[in-house]
Amino acid sequence: MAHFVTPPTPNPNSLKITTHLGTFIEQGMESFGAPAQAEGHPLGAPLFSVTGVTNVFILPQFLTVTKATDADWDVILPMVNEILSAHFLK
């Protein structure tokens, strides 16, 4: 069973990611449009370390990662999955 599922979104530059491993945050919503905004956040900061990530939106049940138009999901998604695995499978 895959740990992370990426159902399609209307925006080809955004991926919604869900998991059966738990919640991404305890409650509420976190939205980061720049690395400085995500500084110190346990998921936002590492996700912005991935070249091409331009936005991170986090709710308890899912998160959405948005990439730059010229960035490639085939490069970004494996790094995002590695960050999420480290977060959930510590």
C-alpha atoms as a PDB file:
ATOM      1  CA  MET A   1       0.000   0.000   0.000  1.00  0.00           C
ATOM      2  CA  ALA A   2       1.324   3.431  -0.940  1.00  0.00           C
ATOM      3  CA  HIS A   3       1.810   5.773   1.975  1.00  0.00           C
ATOM      4  CA  PHE A   4       0.891   8.887  -0.004  1.00  0.00           C
ATOM      5  CA  VAL A   5      -1.893   9.328  -2.555  1.00  0.00           C
ATOM      6  CA  THR A   6      -2.011  12.191  -5.070  1.00  0.00           C
ATOM      7  CA  PRO A   7      -5.526  12.550  -6.507  1.00  0.00           C
ATOM      8  CA  PRO A   8      -5.729  14.847  -9.528  1.00  0.00           C
ATOM      9  CA  THR A   9      -6.481  18.543  -9.097  1.00  0.00           C
ATOM     10  CA  PRO A  10      -7.770  21.053 -11.666  1.00  0.00           C
ATOM     11  CA  ASN A  11      -4.398  22.831 -11.533  1.00  0.00           C
ATOM     12  CA  PRO A  12      -1.604  20.804 -13.187  1.00  0.00           C
ATOM     13  CA  ASN A  13       0.935  22.713 -11.074  1.00  0.00           C
ATOM     14  CA  SER A  14      -0.661  21.620  -7.782  1.00  0.00           C
ATOM     15  CA  LEU A  15      -0.831  18.198  -6.185  1.00  0.00           C
ATOM     16  CA  LYS A  16      -3.121  17.278  -3.320  1.00  0.00           C
ATOM     17  CA  ILE A  17      -1.510  14.644  -1.099  1.00  0.00           C
ATOM     18  CA  THR A  18      -3.341  12.423   1.377  1.00  0.00           C
ATOM     19  CA  THR A  19      -2.126   9.632   3.651  1.00  0.00           C
ATOM     20  CA  HIS A  20      -3.389   6.920   5.968  1.00  0.00           C
ATOM     21  CA  LEU A  21      -0.460   7.536   8.345  1.00  0.00           C
ATOM     22  CA  GLY A  22      -2.127  10.324  10.341  1.00  0.00           C
ATOM     23  CA  THR A  23      -2.856  14.020  10.119  1.00  0.00           C
ATOM     24  CA  PHE A  24      -0.502  16.546   8.551  1.00  0.00           C
ATOM     25  CA  ILE A  25      -1.222  19.079  11.325  1.00  0.00           C
ATOM     26  CA  GLU A  26      -3.278  18.842  14.521  1.00  0.00           C
ATOM     27  CA  GLN A  27      -5.942  21.370  13.519  1.00  0.00           C
ATOM     28  CA  GLY A  28      -6.602  24.482  11.509  1.00  0.00           C
ATOM     29  CA  MET A  29      -4.844  25.474   8.314  1.00  0.00           C
ATOM     30  CA  GLU A  30      -1.331  26.532   7.354  1.00  0.00           C
ATOM     31  CA  SER A  31      -0.576  28.295   4.074  1.00  0.00           C
ATOM     32  CA  PHE A  32       2.900  29.306   2.941  1.00  0.00           C
ATOM     33  CA  GLY A  33       3.624  31.258  -0.234  1.00  0.00           C
ATOM     34  CA  ALA A  34       7.357  31.672   0.334  1.00  0.00           C
ATOM     35  CA  PRO A  35      10.190  29.897   2.156  1.00  0.00           C
ATOM     36  CA  ALA A  36      10.449  32.706   4.744  1.00  0.00           C
ATOM     37  CA  GLN A  37       6.795  32.196   5.707  1.00  0.00           C
ATOM     38  CA  ALA A  38       7.415  28.476   6.285  1.00  0.00           C
ATOM     39  CA  GLU A  39      10.615  28.962   8.285  1.00  0.00           C
ATOM     40  CA  GLY A  40      10.617  26.734  11.352  1.00  0.00           C
ATOM     41  CA  HIS A  41       7.486  24.799  10.338  1.00  0.00           C
ATOM     42  CA  PRO A  42       8.049  21.011  10.524  1.00  0.00           C
ATOM     43  CA  LEU A  43       6.534  20.376   7.072  1.00  0.00           C
ATOM     44  CA  GLY A  44       6.505  23.756   5.357  1.00  0.00           C
ATOM     45  CA  ALA A  45      10.219  24.461   5.746  1.00  0.00           C
ATOM     46  CA  PRO A  46      11.475  21.120   4.378  1.00  0.00           C
ATOM     47  CA  LEU A  47       8.986  21.193   1.491  1.00  0.00           C
ATOM     48  CA  PHE A  48      10.269  24.615   0.451  1.00  0.00           C
ATOM     49  CA  SER A  49      13.793  23.168   0.379  1.00  0.00           C
ATOM     50  CA  VAL A  50      12.693  21.336  -2.783  1.00  0.00           C
ATOM     51  CA  THR A  51      13.632  23.407  -5.821  1.00  0.00           C
ATOM     52  CA  GLY A  52      10.516  24.389  -7.749  1.00  0.00           C
ATOM     53  CA  VAL A  53       8.034  24.383  -4.835  1.00  0.00           C
ATOM     54  CA  THR A  54       6.200  27.719  -4.753  1.00  0.00           C
ATOM     55  CA  ASN A  55       3.330  27.151  -2.298  1.00  0.00           C
ATOM     56  CA  VAL A  56       2.401  24.747   0.501  1.00  0.00           C
ATOM     57  CA  PHE A  57      -1.142  24.517   1.896  1.00  0.00           C
ATOM     58  CA  ILE A  58      -1.707  22.201   4.861  1.00  0.00           C
ATOM     59  CA  LEU A  59      -4.884  20.961   6.509  1.00  0.00           C
ATOM     60  CA  PRO A  60      -5.155  18.038   8.929  1.00  0.00           C
ATOM     61  CA  GLN A  61      -6.481  15.663   6.229  1.00  0.00           C
ATOM     62  CA  PHE A  62      -4.289  16.671   3.274  1.00  0.00           C
ATOM     63  CA  LEU A  63      -1.664  19.018   1.978  1.00  0.00           C
ATOM     64  CA  THR A  64      -1.275  20.668  -1.385  1.00  0.00           C
ATOM     65  CA  VAL A  65       2.076  21.413  -2.952  1.00  0.00           C
ATOM     66  CA  THR A  66       2.267  23.865  -5.862  1.00  0.00           C
ATOM     67  CA  LYS A  67       5.250  23.968  -8.185  1.00  0.00           C
ATOM     68  CA  ALA A  68       6.626  26.532 -10.589  1.00  0.00           C
ATOM     69  CA  THR A  69       5.261  26.146 -14.128  1.00  0.00           C
ATOM     70  CA  ASP A  70       8.640  25.072 -15.503  1.00  0.00           C
ATOM     71  CA  ALA A  71       9.370  22.584 -12.681  1.00  0.00           C
ATOM     72  CA  ASP A  72       8.883  18.836 -13.231  1.00  0.00           C
ATOM     73  CA  TRP A  73       6.697  16.670 -10.974  1.00  0.00           C
ATOM     74  CA  ASP A  74       8.922  13.687 -11.810  1.00  0.00           C
ATOM     75  CA  VAL A  75      11.754  15.490 -10.005  1.00  0.00           C
ATOM     76  CA  ILE A  76       9.752  17.167  -7.226  1.00  0.00           C
ATOM     77  CA  LEU A  77       7.365  14.401  -6.147  1.00  0.00           C
ATOM     78  CA  PRO A  78      10.010  11.861  -5.052  1.00  0.00           C
ATOM     79  CA  MET A  79      11.632  14.515  -2.850  1.00  0.00           C
ATOM     80  CA  VAL A  80       8.241  15.522  -1.403  1.00  0.00           C
ATOM     81  CA  ASN A  81       7.468  11.864  -0.650  1.00  0.00           C
ATOM     82  CA  GLU A  82      10.852  11.500   1.077  1.00  0.00           C
ATOM     83  CA  ILE A  83      10.138  14.550   3.272  1.00  0.00           C
ATOM     84  CA  LEU A  84       6.675  13.260   4.147  1.00  0.00           C
ATOM     85  CA  SER A  85       8.032   9.778   4.906  1.00  0.00           C
ATOM     86  CA  ALA A  86      10.588  11.279   7.285  1.00  0.00           C
ATOM     87  CA  HIS A  87       7.807  13.309   8.937  1.00  0.00           C
ATOM     88  CA  PHE A  88       5.414  10.379   9.480  1.00  0.00           C
ATOM     89  CA  LEU A  89       7.754   7.414   9.822  1.00  0.00           C
ATOM     90  CA  LYS A  90      10.257   8.814  12.339  1.00  0.00           C
END
